[in-house]
PDB file of N, CA and C in Angstrom:
ATOM      1  N   MET A   1       6.707   5.141  57.739  1.00  0.00           N
ATOM      2  CA  MET A   1       6.592   5.802  56.677  1.00  0.00           C
ATOM      3  C   MET A   1       6.790   4.787  55.432  1.00  0.00           C
ATOM      4  N   VAL A   2       5.964   4.945  54.159  1.00  0.00           N
ATOM      5  CA  VAL A   2       5.584   4.095  52.987  1.00  0.00           C
ATOM      6  C   VAL A   2       6.648   4.552  52.209  1.00  0.00           C
ATOM      7  N   SER A   3       7.308   3.201  51.957  1.00  0.00           N
ATOM      8  CA  SER A   3       8.309   3.746  50.822  1.00  0.00           C
ATOM      9  C   SER A   3       7.354   3.266  49.485  1.00  0.00           C
ATOM     10  N   ARG A   4       7.665   4.409  48.411  1.00  0.00           N
ATOM     11  CA  ARG A   4       7.022   4.079  47.277  1.00  0.00           C
ATOM     12  C   ARG A   4       8.082   3.626  46.038  1.00  0.00           C
ATOM     13  N   ASP A   5       8.011   2.531  45.128  1.00  0.00           N
ATOM     14  CA  ASP A   5       8.603   2.146  44.343  1.00  0.00           C
ATOM     15  C   ASP A   5       8.113   2.668  42.900  1.00  0.00           C
ATOM     16  N   LEU A   6       9.004   3.698  42.684  1.00  0.00           N
ATOM     17  CA  LEU A   6       8.840   4.662  41.535  1.00  0.00           C
ATOM     18  C   LEU A   6       9.540   3.681  40.045  1.00  0.00           C
ATOM     19  N   GLY A   7       9.978   2.827  40.385  1.00  0.00           N
ATOM     20  CA  GLY A   7      10.916   1.790  39.425  1.00  0.00           C
ATOM     21  C   GLY A   7      10.227   1.680  38.320  1.00  0.00           C
ATOM     22  N   PHE A   8       8.891   1.135  38.358  1.00  0.00           N
ATOM     23  CA  PHE A   8       7.815   0.609  37.303  1.00  0.00           C
ATOM     24  C   PHE A   8       6.962   1.709  36.676  1.00  0.00           C
ATOM     25  N   LYS A   9       6.931   2.625  37.499  1.00  0.00           N
ATOM     26  CA  LYS A   9       5.631   3.548  37.300  1.00  0.00           C
ATOM     27  C   LYS A   9       6.501   4.613  36.283  1.00  0.00           C
ATOM     28  N   ILE A  10       7.411   5.211  36.197  1.00  0.00           N
ATOM     29  CA  ILE A  10       8.150   5.925  35.249  1.00  0.00           C
ATOM     30  C   ILE A  10       8.489   5.456  34.270  1.00  0.00           C
ATOM     31  N   PRO A  11       9.256   4.171  33.923  1.00  0.00           N
ATOM     32  CA  PRO A  11       9.002   3.613  32.341  1.00  0.00           C
ATOM     33  C   PRO A  11       7.431   3.385  32.022  1.00  0.00           C
ATOM     34  N   GLY A  12       7.010   2.763  32.674  1.00  0.00           N
ATOM     35  CA  GLY A  12       5.228   2.690  32.299  1.00  0.00           C
ATOM     36  C   GLY A  12       4.717   3.699  31.918  1.00  0.00           C
ATOM     37  N   ALA A  13       4.863   5.268  32.498  1.00  0.00           N
ATOM     38  CA  ALA A  13       4.197   6.420  31.771  1.00  0.00           C
ATOM     39  C   ALA A  13       5.139   6.734  30.724  1.00  0.00           C
ATOM     40  N   ILE A  14       6.452   6.589  30.727  1.00  0.00           N
ATOM     41  CA  ILE A  14       7.093   6.873  29.401  1.00  0.00           C
ATOM     42  C   ILE A  14       6.477   5.758  28.258  1.00  0.00           C
ATOM     43  N   ALA A  15       6.344   4.646  28.421  1.00  0.00           N
ATOM     44  CA  ALA A  15       5.891   3.869  27.353  1.00  0.00           C
ATOM     45  C   ALA A  15       4.434   4.183  26.852  1.00  0.00           C
ATOM     46  N   PHE A  16       3.574   4.570  27.956  1.00  0.00           N
ATOM     47  CA  PHE A  16       2.396   4.909  27.661  1.00  0.00           C
ATOM     48  C   PHE A  16       2.248   6.021  26.612  1.00  0.00           C
ATOM     49  N   CYS A  17       2.891   6.885  26.906  1.00  0.00           N
ATOM     50  CA  CYS A  17       3.394   8.317  26.177  1.00  0.00           C
ATOM     51  C   CYS A  17       3.978   7.948  24.422  1.00  0.00           C
ATOM     52  N   LEU A  18       4.844   7.134  24.620  1.00  0.00           N
ATOM     53  CA  LEU A  18       5.196   6.644  23.535  1.00  0.00           C
ATOM     54  C   LEU A  18       4.060   6.145  22.910  1.00  0.00           C
ATOM     55  N   VAL A  19       3.456   5.222  23.137  1.00  0.00           N
ATOM     56  CA  VAL A  19       2.171   4.533  22.342  1.00  0.00           C
ATOM     57  C   VAL A  19       1.184   5.697  21.899  1.00  0.00           C
ATOM     58  N   VAL A  20       0.882   6.503  22.875  1.00  0.00           N
ATOM     59  CA  VAL A  20      -0.131   7.558  22.484  1.00  0.00           C
ATOM     60  C   VAL A  20       0.434   8.153  21.394  1.00  0.00           C
ATOM     61  N   VAL A  21       1.813   8.815  21.262  1.00  0.00           N
ATOM     62  CA  VAL A  21       2.179   9.521  20.029  1.00  0.00           C
ATOM     63  C   VAL A  21       2.519   8.568  18.972  1.00  0.00           C
ATOM     64  N   GLY A  22       2.824   7.272  18.898  1.00  0.00           N
ATOM     65  CA  GLY A  22       2.894   6.367  17.886  1.00  0.00           C
ATOM     66  C   GLY A  22       1.572   6.019  17.114  1.00  0.00           C
ATOM     67  N   TYR A  23       0.515   6.174  17.951  1.00  0.00           N
ATOM     68  CA  TYR A  23      -0.891   6.022  17.561  1.00  0.00           C
ATOM     69  C   TYR A  23      -0.985   7.167  16.473  1.00  0.00           C
ATOM     70  N   PHE A  24      -0.839   8.274  16.915  1.00  0.00           N
ATOM     71  CA  PHE A  24      -1.564   9.662  16.276  1.00  0.00           C
ATOM     72  C   PHE A  24      -0.715   9.688  15.151  1.00  0.00           C
ATOM     73  N   PHE A  25       0.725   9.370  14.830  1.00  0.00           N
ATOM     74  CA  PHE A  25       1.762   9.241  13.629  1.00  0.00           C
ATOM     75  C   PHE A  25       1.206   8.135  12.922  1.00  0.00           C
ATOM     76  N   TYR A  26       0.603   7.123  13.136  1.00  0.00           N
ATOM     77  CA  TYR A  26       0.263   5.932  12.536  1.00  0.00           C
ATOM     78  C   TYR A  26      -1.361   6.386  12.073  1.00  0.00           C
ATOM     79  N   ARG A  27      -1.922   7.020  12.705  1.00  0.00           N
ATOM     80  CA  ARG A  27      -3.206   7.275  12.136  1.00  0.00           C
ATOM     81  C   ARG A  27      -3.218   8.467  11.258  1.00  0.00           C
ATOM     82  N   GLU A  28      -2.274   9.048  11.196  1.00  0.00           N
ATOM     83  CA  GLU A  28      -1.991  10.021   9.933  1.00  0.00           C
ATOM     84  C   GLU A  28      -1.310   9.749   8.895  1.00  0.00           C
ATOM     85  N   TYR A  29      -0.408   8.534   9.259  1.00  0.00           N
ATOM     86  CA  TYR A  29       0.190   7.714   8.112  1.00  0.00           C
ATOM     87  C   TYR A  29      -1.009   7.253   7.359  1.00  0.00           C
ATOM     88  N   GLN A  30      -1.872   6.572   7.937  1.00  0.00           N
ATOM     89  CA  GLN A  30      -3.020   5.647   7.334  1.00  0.00           C
ATOM     90  C   GLN A  30      -3.986   6.534   6.545  1.00  0.00           C
ATOM     91  N   GLN A  31      -4.085   7.764   6.815  1.00  0.00           N
ATOM     92  CA  GLN A  31      -5.188   8.685   6.094  1.00  0.00           C
ATOM     93  C   GLN A  31      -4.372   9.096   4.833  1.00  0.00           C
ATOM     94  N   LYS A  32      -3.140   9.270   4.938  1.00  0.00           N
ATOM     95  CA  LYS A  32      -2.536   9.721   3.778  1.00  0.00           C
ATOM     96  C   LYS A  32      -2.187   8.663   2.834  1.00  0.00           C
ATOM     97  N   GLN A  33      -1.769   7.490   3.317  1.00  0.00           N
ATOM     98  CA  GLN A  33      -1.301   6.309   2.340  1.00  0.00           C
ATOM     99  C   GLN A  33      -2.190   6.278   1.208  1.00  0.00           C
ATOM    100  N   PRO A  34      -3.493   5.813   1.262  1.00  0.00           N
ATOM    101  CA  PRO A  34      -4.491   5.840  -0.034  1.00  0.00           C
ATOM    102  C   PRO A  34      -4.079   6.805  -1.401  1.00  0.00           C
ATOM    103  N   GLU A  35      -4.039   8.161  -0.681  1.00  0.00           N
ATOM    104  CA  GLU A  35      -3.683   9.294  -1.391  1.00  0.00           C
ATOM    105  C   GLU A  35      -2.429   9.185  -2.461  1.00  0.00           C
ATOM    106  N   ILE A  36      -1.214   8.464  -1.442  1.00  0.00           N
ATOM    107  CA  ILE A  36      -0.031   8.389  -2.170  1.00  0.00           C
ATOM    108  C   ILE A  36      -0.113   7.098  -3.155  1.00  0.00           C
ATOM    109  N   VAL A  37      -0.955   6.064  -2.790  1.00  0.00           N
ATOM    110  CA  VAL A  37      -0.899   4.723  -3.483  1.00  0.00           C
ATOM    111  C   VAL A  37      -1.574   5.439  -5.005  1.00  0.00           C
ATOM    112  N   ARG A  38      -2.493   6.253  -4.765  1.00  0.00           N
ATOM    113  CA  ARG A  38      -3.404   6.629  -5.848  1.00  0.00           C
ATOM    114  C   ARG A  38      -2.547   7.439  -7.042  1.00  0.00           C
ATOM    115  N   GLN A  39      -1.396   8.501  -6.097  1.00  0.00           N
ATOM    116  CA  GLN A  39      -0.517   8.938  -7.122  1.00  0.00           C
ATOM    117  C   GLN A  39       0.392   8.138  -7.629  1.00  0.00           C
ATOM    118  N   ASN A  40       0.891   7.277  -7.094  1.00  0.00           N
ATOM    119  CA  ASN A  40       1.912   6.452  -7.757  1.00  0.00           C
ATOM    120  C   ASN A  40       1.227   5.530  -8.933  1.00  0.00           C
ATOM    121  N   ILE A  41       0.084   5.413  -8.775  1.00  0.00           N
ATOM    122  CA  ILE A  41      -0.441   4.387  -9.782  1.00  0.00           C
ATOM    123  C   ILE A  41      -0.770   5.234 -10.834  1.00  0.00           C
ATOM    124  N   SER A  42      -1.462   6.694 -10.712  1.00  0.00           N
ATOM    125  CA  SER A  42      -1.753   7.578 -11.602  1.00  0.00           C
ATOM    126  C   SER A  42      -0.390   7.980 -12.592  1.00  0.00           C
ATOM    127  N   ASN A  43       0.685   8.106 -11.868  1.00  0.00           N
ATOM    128  CA  ASN A  43       1.572   8.618 -12.373  1.00  0.00           C
ATOM    129  C   ASN A  43       2.681   7.501 -13.042  1.00  0.00           C
ATOM    130  N   LYS A  44       2.035   6.337 -13.120  1.00  0.00           N
ATOM    131  CA  LYS A  44       2.720   5.108 -13.780  1.00  0.00           C
ATOM    132  C   LYS A  44       2.532   5.242 -15.252  1.00  0.00           C
ATOM    133  N   ASN A  45       3.566   5.314 -16.183  1.00  0.00           N
ATOM    134  CA  ASN A  45       3.294   4.929 -17.598  1.00  0.00           C
ATOM    135  C   ASN A  45       4.052   3.819 -18.106  1.00  0.00           C
ATOM    136  N   PHE A  46       3.656   3.402 -19.153  1.00  0.00           N
ATOM    137  CA  PHE A  46       3.872   2.129 -19.715  1.00  0.00           C
ATOM    138  C   PHE A  46       3.601   1.805 -21.153  1.00  0.00           C
ATOM    139  N   SER A  47       4.363   1.292 -21.931  1.00  0.00           N
ATOM    140  CA  SER A  47       3.960   1.113 -23.287  1.00  0.00           C
ATOM    141  C   SER A  47       4.602  -0.101 -24.005  1.00  0.00           C
ATOM    142  N   GLY A  48       3.920  -0.732 -24.691  1.00  0.00           N
ATOM    143  CA  GLY A  48       4.515  -2.065 -25.454  1.00  0.00           C
ATOM    144  C   GLY A  48       3.297  -2.775 -25.955  1.00  0.00           C
ATOM    145  N   ILE A  49       3.714  -4.062 -26.304  1.00  0.00           N
ATOM    146  CA  ILE A  49       2.681  -4.978 -26.460  1.00  0.00           C
ATOM    147  C   ILE A  49       2.370  -6.109 -25.667  1.00  0.00           C
ATOM    148  N   VAL A  50       1.152  -5.912 -25.474  1.00  0.00           N
ATOM    149  CA  VAL A  50       0.556  -6.538 -24.070  1.00  0.00           C
ATOM    150  C   VAL A  50       0.346  -8.163 -24.516  1.00  0.00           C
ATOM    151  N   ASP A  51       1.013  -9.007 -23.959  1.00  0.00           N
ATOM    152  CA  ASP A  51       0.509 -10.554 -24.057  1.00  0.00           C
ATOM    153  C   ASP A  51      -0.496 -10.983 -23.373  1.00  0.00           C
ATOM    154  N   SER A  52      -0.467 -10.687 -22.251  1.00  0.00           N
ATOM    155  CA  SER A  52      -1.878 -11.200 -21.415  1.00  0.00           C
ATOM    156  C   SER A  52      -2.058 -10.354 -20.078  1.00  0.00           C
ATOM    157  N   THR A  53      -3.226 -10.201 -19.780  1.00  0.00           N
ATOM    158  CA  THR A  53      -3.537  -9.431 -18.595  1.00  0.00           C
ATOM    159  C   THR A  53      -4.427 -10.386 -17.687  1.00  0.00           C
ATOM    160  N   PHE A  54      -4.392 -10.336 -16.280  1.00  0.00           N
ATOM    161  CA  PHE A  54      -5.158 -11.085 -15.599  1.00  0.00           C
ATOM    162  C   PHE A  54      -5.378 -10.326 -14.039  1.00  0.00           C
ATOM    163  N   THR A  55      -6.488 -10.727 -13.368  1.00  0.00           N
ATOM    164  CA  THR A  55      -6.882  -9.916 -12.263  1.00  0.00           C
ATOM    165  C   THR A  55      -6.866 -11.121 -11.296  1.00  0.00           C
ATOM    166  N   VAL A  56      -6.134 -10.911 -10.003  1.00  0.00           N
ATOM    167  CA  VAL A  56      -6.367 -11.787  -9.096  1.00  0.00           C
ATOM    168  C   VAL A  56      -7.246 -11.087  -7.954  1.00  0.00           C
ATOM    169  N   HIS A  57      -8.390 -11.751  -7.998  1.00  0.00           N
ATOM    170  CA  HIS A  57      -9.578 -11.540  -7.085  1.00  0.00           C
ATOM    171  C   HIS A  57      -9.431 -11.694  -5.729  1.00  0.00           C
ATOM    172  N   MET A  58      -8.371 -12.358  -5.297  1.00  0.00           N
ATOM    173  CA  MET A  58      -7.974 -12.633  -3.846  1.00  0.00           C
ATOM    174  C   MET A  58      -7.081 -11.375  -3.245  1.00  0.00           C
ATOM    175  N   ASN A  59      -6.338 -10.783  -4.399  1.00  0.00           N
ATOM    176  CA  ASN A  59      -5.500  -9.926  -3.899  1.00  0.00           C
ATOM    177  C   ASN A  59      -5.971  -8.299  -4.326  1.00  0.00           C
ATOM    178  N   HIS A  60      -7.647  -8.268  -3.767  1.00  0.00           N
ATOM    179  CA  HIS A  60      -8.235  -6.906  -4.099  1.00  0.00           C
ATOM    180  C   HIS A  60      -8.205  -6.608  -5.391  1.00  0.00           C
ATOM    181  N   GLU A  61      -8.745  -7.352  -6.262  1.00  0.00           N
ATOM    182  CA  GLU A  61      -8.917  -7.186  -7.890  1.00  0.00           C
ATOM    183  C   GLU A  61      -7.909  -6.130  -8.346  1.00  0.00           C
ATOM    184  N   LEU A  62      -6.518  -6.643  -7.940  1.00  0.00           N
ATOM    185  CA  LEU A  62      -5.367  -6.077  -8.693  1.00  0.00           C
ATOM    186  C   LEU A  62      -5.211  -6.701  -9.907  1.00  0.00           C
ATOM    187  N   THR A  63      -4.803  -6.013 -10.998  1.00  0.00           N
ATOM    188  CA  THR A  63      -4.575  -6.199 -12.209  1.00  0.00           C
ATOM    189  C   THR A  63      -3.006  -6.369 -12.530  1.00  0.00           C
ATOM    190  N   THR A  64      -2.297  -7.529 -13.384  1.00  0.00           N
ATOM    191  CA  THR A  64      -1.029  -7.397 -13.860  1.00  0.00           C
ATOM    192  C   THR A  64      -1.304  -7.627 -15.069  1.00  0.00           C
ATOM    193  N   ILE A  65      -0.246  -6.774 -15.820  1.00  0.00           N
ATOM    194  CA  ILE A  65      -0.069  -6.833 -17.350  1.00  0.00           C
ATOM    195  C   ILE A  65       1.162  -7.389 -17.411  1.00  0.00           C
ATOM    196  N   ILE A  66       1.069  -8.279 -18.516  1.00  0.00           N
ATOM    197  CA  ILE A  66       2.614  -9.037 -19.227  1.00  0.00           C
ATOM    198  C   ILE A  66       2.626  -8.714 -20.487  1.00  0.00           C
ATOM    199  N   PHE A  67       3.599  -8.216 -20.717  1.00  0.00           N
ATOM    200  CA  PHE A  67       4.169  -7.576 -22.227  1.00  0.00           C
ATOM    201  C   PHE A  67       4.797  -8.649 -22.938  1.00  0.00           C
ATOM    202  N   LYS A  68       4.898  -8.408 -24.262  1.00  0.00           N
ATOM    203  CA  LYS A  68       5.405  -9.447 -25.178  1.00  0.00           C
ATOM    204  C   LYS A  68       7.000  -9.752 -24.550  1.00  0.00           C
ATOM    205  N   ASN A  69       7.953  -8.880 -24.324  1.00  0.00           N
ATOM    206  CA  ASN A  69       9.116  -9.090 -23.926  1.00  0.00           C
ATOM    207  C   ASN A  69       9.323  -9.605 -22.324  1.00  0.00           C
ATOM    208  N   LYS A  70       8.157  -9.947 -21.839  1.00  0.00           N
ATOM    209  CA  LYS A  70       8.226 -10.479 -20.637  1.00  0.00           C
ATOM    210  C   LYS A  70       7.967  -9.862 -19.494  1.00  0.00           C
ATOM    211  N   LYS A  71       8.254  -8.446 -19.503  1.00  0.00           N
ATOM    212  CA  LYS A  71       8.192  -7.499 -18.693  1.00  0.00           C
ATOM    213  C   LYS A  71       6.821  -7.781 -17.874  1.00  0.00           C
ATOM    214  N   THR A  72       6.892  -7.361 -16.536  1.00  0.00           N
ATOM    215  CA  THR A  72       5.551  -7.275 -16.121  1.00  0.00           C
ATOM    216  C   THR A  72       5.202  -5.982 -15.162  1.00  0.00           C
ATOM    217  N   ILE A  73       3.861  -5.678 -15.099  1.00  0.00           N
ATOM    218  CA  ILE A  73       3.446  -4.725 -14.311  1.00  0.00           C
ATOM    219  C   ILE A  73       2.274  -5.084 -13.244  1.00  0.00           C
ATOM    220  N   SER A  74       2.521  -4.970 -12.041  1.00  0.00           N
ATOM    221  CA  SER A  74       1.622  -5.447 -11.467  1.00  0.00           C
ATOM    222  C   SER A  74       0.929  -4.372 -10.132  1.00  0.00           C
ATOM    223  N   GLY A  75      -0.035  -4.769  -9.376  1.00  0.00           N
ATOM    224  CA  GLY A  75      -0.615  -3.770  -8.556  1.00  0.00           C
ATOM    225  C   GLY A  75      -1.412  -2.811  -9.066  1.00  0.00           C
ATOM    226  N   LEU A  76      -1.926  -2.941 -10.154  1.00  0.00           N
ATOM    227  CA  LEU A  76      -2.672  -1.914 -10.931  1.00  0.00           C
ATOM    228  C   LEU A  76      -4.180  -2.354 -10.752  1.00  0.00           C
ATOM    229  N   GLN A  77      -4.898  -1.185 -10.516  1.00  0.00           N
ATOM    230  CA  GLN A  77      -6.292  -0.891 -10.332  1.00  0.00           C
ATOM    231  C   GLN A  77      -6.944  -2.217 -11.372  1.00  0.00           C
ATOM    232  N   GLN A  78      -8.214  -2.323 -11.113  1.00  0.00           N
ATOM    233  CA  GLN A  78      -8.865  -3.394 -12.010  1.00  0.00           C
ATOM    234  C   GLN A  78      -9.290  -2.659 -13.299  1.00  0.00           C
ATOM    235  N   GLN A  79      -9.399  -1.221 -13.146  1.00  0.00           N
ATOM    236  CA  GLN A  79      -9.821  -0.414 -14.392  1.00  0.00           C
ATOM    237  C   GLN A  79      -8.620  -0.259 -15.536  1.00  0.00           C
ATOM    238  N   TYR A  80      -7.606  -0.566 -15.225  1.00  0.00           N
ATOM    239  CA  TYR A  80      -6.601  -0.952 -16.298  1.00  0.00           C
ATOM    240  C   TYR A  80      -7.108  -1.853 -16.907  1.00  0.00           C
ATOM    241  N   HIS A  81      -7.532  -2.841 -16.368  1.00  0.00           N
ATOM    242  CA  HIS A  81      -7.689  -4.396 -17.387  1.00  0.00           C
ATOM    243  C   HIS A  81      -8.712  -3.836 -18.512  1.00  0.00           C
ATOM    244  N   TYR A  82      -9.497  -3.256 -18.095  1.00  0.00           N
ATOM    245  CA  TYR A  82     -10.655  -2.548 -18.972  1.00  0.00           C
ATOM    246  C   TYR A  82     -10.272  -1.672 -19.772  1.00  0.00           C
ATOM    247  N   MET A  83      -9.350  -0.879 -19.610  1.00  0.00           N
ATOM    248  CA  MET A  83      -8.750   0.157 -20.554  1.00  0.00           C
ATOM    249  C   MET A  83      -7.843  -0.275 -21.619  1.00  0.00           C
ATOM    250  N   LEU A  84      -7.332  -1.504 -21.399  1.00  0.00           N
ATOM    251  CA  LEU A  84      -6.406  -1.938 -22.495  1.00  0.00           C
ATOM    252  C   LEU A  84      -7.046  -2.191 -23.722  1.00  0.00           C
ATOM    253  N   LYS A  85      -6.551  -2.273 -25.029  1.00  0.00           N
ATOM    254  CA  LYS A  85      -7.183  -2.493 -25.985  1.00  0.00           C
ATOM    255  C   LYS A  85      -6.471  -3.759 -26.433  1.00  0.00           C
ATOM    256  N   LYS A  86      -7.187  -5.251 -26.957  1.00  0.00           N
ATOM    257  CA  LYS A  86      -6.614  -6.112 -27.164  1.00  0.00           C
ATOM    258  C   LYS A  86      -6.639  -6.526 -28.737  1.00  0.00           C
ATOM    259  N   THR A  87      -5.446  -6.828 -29.260  1.00  0.00           N
ATOM    260  CA  THR A  87      -5.575  -6.745 -30.473  1.00  0.00           C
ATOM    261  C   THR A  87      -4.871  -8.115 -30.995  1.00  0.00           C
ATOM    262  N   THR A  88      -5.111  -8.785 -31.989  1.00  0.00           N
ATOM    263  CA  THR A  88      -4.383  -9.987 -32.497  1.00  0.00           C
ATOM    264  C   THR A  88      -3.276  -9.297 -33.510  1.00  0.00           C
ATOM    265  N   VAL A  89      -2.150 -10.318 -33.270  1.00  0.00           N
ATOM    266  CA  VAL A  89      -1.018  -9.849 -34.211  1.00  0.00           C
ATOM    267  C   VAL A  89      -0.691 -11.111 -35.020  1.00  0.00           C
TER     268      VAL A  89
END
């Protein structure tokens, strides 16, 4: 009679199931993530006198705004860079 060692098969099957379930949760999260980021950026309100703006091209064209009071807002889409009105005071 052949002895079957189920010691590695059961944990392996459980690990495989966890990986498959985790993949589907991760895939669903990845599909929702751009919408969540878009909502967070569109709900961001700020006001003040802009000291400078710059865009980091290596960081997916994200814009950083520096205000006169040295407060910074970063991670904005590049469209914000063009929407700001620059005036000299």
